[in-house]
């Protein structure tokens, strides 16, 4: 079974990470702003400030993406090492229609699991990348829970029956 990619980790249509795409978008704005500052001092502050703010915004989004992905990966690996997984019964896939990546949709998976003492807990994953024709039966999910604080958990979503 293959693990479903998180949004910040993979952008399937381009084949690079979304964070790298944002960093690449920031470079033209920053270079153009520096070029205008160096060659055309009479342009005023508004166009230069607009270019610098736009470049800085894309740069910060890219750096945020790297940091957020690293935090999620570390949390999952730390929780995997501490305790075995609980199997999640996937109830629904909640699409985030505001973020579409080409032919792919970002969505979160919501479900429930039963812990060792028989209590049922509802969990929701972070946004992952799905195609528009995938159904919830195509996936299986595991949740790794911190034993000291059950509110801290990480959901791992796996595709069923795909051969690579």
Protein backbone atom coordinates (compact mmCIF):
# COMPACT_ATOMS: atom_id res chain seq x y z
CA UNK A 1 0.00 0.00 0.00
CA UNK A 2 1.20 3.48 -0.84
CA UNK A 3 0.92 6.41 1.51
CA UNK A 4 -1.23 9.30 0.28
CA UNK A 5 0.81 12.49 -0.12
CA UNK A 6 0.20 15.57 2.00
CA UNK A 7 -0.52 18.84 0.23
CA UNK A 8 2.70 20.57 1.24
CA UNK A 9 4.80 17.56 0.35
CA UNK A 10 3.80 16.93 -3.23
CA UNK A 11 2.20 18.74 -6.11
CA UNK A 12 1.42 15.97 -8.58
CA UNK A 13 0.81 18.12 -11.65
CA UNK A 14 4.25 19.71 -11.60
CA UNK A 15 6.16 16.96 -9.83
CA UNK A 16 7.82 19.27 -7.31
CA UNK A 17 6.94 20.18 -3.79
CA UNK A 18 4.46 22.99 -3.35
CA UNK A 19 6.94 24.80 -1.10
CA UNK A 20 9.54 24.84 -3.87
CA UNK A 21 6.93 26.20 -6.27
CA UNK A 22 6.19 29.07 -3.89
CA UNK A 23 9.89 29.79 -3.45
CA UNK A 24 10.31 29.81 -7.24
CA UNK A 25 7.42 32.27 -7.54
CA UNK A 26 9.09 34.65 -5.09
CA UNK A 27 12.34 34.93 -7.05
CA UNK A 28 11.06 36.91 -10.08
CA UNK A 29 9.38 39.48 -7.85
CA UNK A 30 12.44 39.94 -5.68
CA UNK A 31 14.82 40.13 -8.65
CA UNK A 32 12.57 42.61 -10.46
CA UNK A 33 12.29 44.77 -7.33
CA UNK A 34 16.07 44.83 -6.91
CA UNK A 35 16.50 45.60 -10.61
CA UNK A 36 14.09 48.53 -10.39
CA UNK A 37 15.78 49.87 -7.26
CA UNK A 38 19.19 49.71 -8.94
CA UNK A 39 18.33 51.09 -12.39
CA UNK A 40 15.27 53.33 -12.00
CA UNK A 41 15.41 55.42 -8.82
CA UNK A 42 12.65 57.71 -10.14
CA UNK A 43 9.92 55.05 -10.09
CA UNK A 44 8.94 55.85 -6.54
CA UNK A 45 8.25 53.62 -3.61
CA UNK A 46 4.86 52.15 -4.50
CA UNK A 47 5.88 49.79 -7.36
CA UNK A 48 9.07 48.73 -5.62
CA UNK A 49 7.31 48.16 -2.33
CA UNK A 50 4.58 46.19 -4.12
CA UNK A 51 7.15 43.92 -5.77
CA UNK A 52 9.08 43.43 -2.54
CA UNK A 53 5.95 42.63 -0.51
CA UNK A 54 4.72 40.20 -3.17
CA UNK A 55 8.10 38.46 -3.32
CA UNK A 56 8.36 38.32 0.47
CA UNK A 57 4.85 36.87 0.72
CA UNK A 58 5.62 34.01 -1.68
CA UNK A 59 8.93 33.43 0.10
CA UNK A 60 7.22 33.22 3.50
CA UNK A 61 4.56 30.83 2.15
CA UNK A 62 7.29 28.57 0.79
CA UNK A 63 9.22 28.59 4.06
CA UNK A 64 5.99 27.98 5.99
CA UNK A 65 5.29 24.97 3.77
CA UNK A 66 8.72 23.47 4.45
CA UNK A 67 8.36 23.99 8.19
CA UNK A 68 4.78 22.67 8.34
CA UNK A 69 5.65 19.54 6.36
CA UNK A 70 8.67 18.90 8.59
CA UNK A 71 6.54 19.26 11.75
CA UNK A 72 3.93 16.81 10.42
CA UNK A 73 6.59 14.27 9.37
CA UNK A 74 8.34 14.47 12.74
CA UNK A 75 5.04 14.12 14.62
CA UNK A 76 4.06 11.03 12.60
CA UNK A 77 7.47 9.37 12.99
CA UNK A 78 7.58 10.14 16.74
CA UNK A 79 4.11 8.69 17.29
CA UNK A 80 4.88 5.65 15.10
CA UNK A 81 7.87 4.85 17.28
CA UNK A 82 5.94 5.13 20.54
CA UNK A 83 2.89 2.92 20.01
CA UNK A 84 1.23 0.68 17.45
CA UNK A 85 -1.52 2.01 15.22
CA UNK A 86 -5.26 1.86 15.63
CA UNK A 87 -7.24 1.17 12.49
CA UNK A 88 -9.55 4.02 11.49
CA UNK A 89 -12.98 3.43 10.00
CA UNK A 90 -13.18 6.13 7.32
CA UNK A 91 -16.58 7.80 7.44
CA UNK A 92 -16.10 10.50 4.82
CA UNK A 93 -13.65 12.46 2.75
CA UNK A 94 -14.09 16.21 3.18
CA UNK A 95 -12.85 18.06 0.08
CA UNK A 96 -11.29 21.49 0.33
CA UNK A 97 -12.57 22.88 -2.97
CA UNK A 98 -10.69 26.14 -2.53
CA UNK A 99 -7.39 24.36 -3.17
CA UNK A 100 -7.26 22.40 -6.43
CA UNK A 101 -3.99 21.20 -7.84
CA UNK A 102 -4.63 20.54 -11.51
CA UNK A 103 -6.77 17.39 -11.68
CA UNK A 104 -6.28 16.71 -7.99
CA UNK A 105 -8.31 17.82 -4.98
CA UNK A 106 -7.08 18.45 -1.47
CA UNK A 107 -9.20 16.82 1.20
CA UNK A 108 -9.20 15.68 4.79
CA UNK A 109 -10.35 12.25 5.95
CA UNK A 110 -12.69 11.96 8.90
CA UNK A 111 -13.36 8.75 10.77
CA UNK A 112 -13.32 7.00 14.12
CA UNK A 113 -11.28 4.38 15.92
CA UNK A 114 -11.74 2.26 19.01
CA UNK A 115 -8.96 2.35 21.58
CA UNK A 116 -7.82 -0.50 23.83
CA UNK A 117 -10.43 0.24 26.50
CA UNK A 118 -13.33 0.24 24.02
CA UNK A 119 -13.84 4.01 23.76
CA UNK A 120 -14.67 5.42 20.32
CA UNK A 121 -12.75 8.53 19.26
CA UNK A 122 -13.33 10.70 16.19
CA UNK A 123 -10.25 11.79 14.24
CA UNK A 124 -9.63 14.08 11.29
CA UNK A 125 -6.51 14.11 9.16
CA UNK A 126 -4.65 17.03 7.69
CA UNK A 127 -5.22 17.82 4.02
CA UNK A 128 -4.00 15.20 1.57
CA UNK A 129 -4.06 14.98 -2.22
CA UNK A 130 -6.73 12.85 -3.92
CA UNK A 131 -7.98 12.47 -7.46
CA UNK A 132 -11.57 13.46 -8.09
CA UNK A 133 -12.77 9.92 -8.83
CA UNK A 134 -11.40 8.20 -5.71
CA UNK A 135 -13.84 6.88 -3.11
CA UNK A 136 -13.39 6.28 0.58
CA UNK A 137 -13.36 2.51 0.00
CA UNK A 138 -10.10 2.91 -1.93
CA UNK A 139 -8.25 3.86 1.27
CA UNK A 140 -7.37 2.56 4.67
CA UNK A 141 -6.22 4.74 7.54
CA UNK A 142 -4.21 4.26 10.69
CA UNK A 143 -4.02 6.62 13.62
CA UNK A 144 -1.08 6.88 15.99
CA UNK A 145 -2.01 8.32 19.38
CA UNK A 146 0.16 9.77 22.12
CA UNK A 147 -0.56 7.70 25.23
CA UNK A 148 0.04 10.62 27.62
CA UNK A 149 -2.23 13.02 25.71
CA UNK A 150 -4.87 11.31 23.54
CA UNK A 151 -5.69 14.62 21.83
CA UNK A 152 -2.32 14.45 20.07
CA UNK A 153 -2.56 12.07 17.13
CA UNK A 154 -1.39 11.64 13.56
CA UNK A 155 -3.40 9.99 10.80
CA UNK A 156 -1.70 7.99 8.06
CA UNK A 157 -3.78 7.33 4.94
CA UNK A 158 -2.87 4.43 2.64
CA UNK A 159 -4.21 3.49 -0.80
CA UNK A 160 -5.51 -0.06 -1.06
CA UNK A 161 -4.65 -2.55 -3.75
CA UNK A 162 -2.33 -0.52 -5.94
CA UNK A 163 0.60 -2.23 -7.49
CA UNK A 164 3.56 -0.05 -8.29
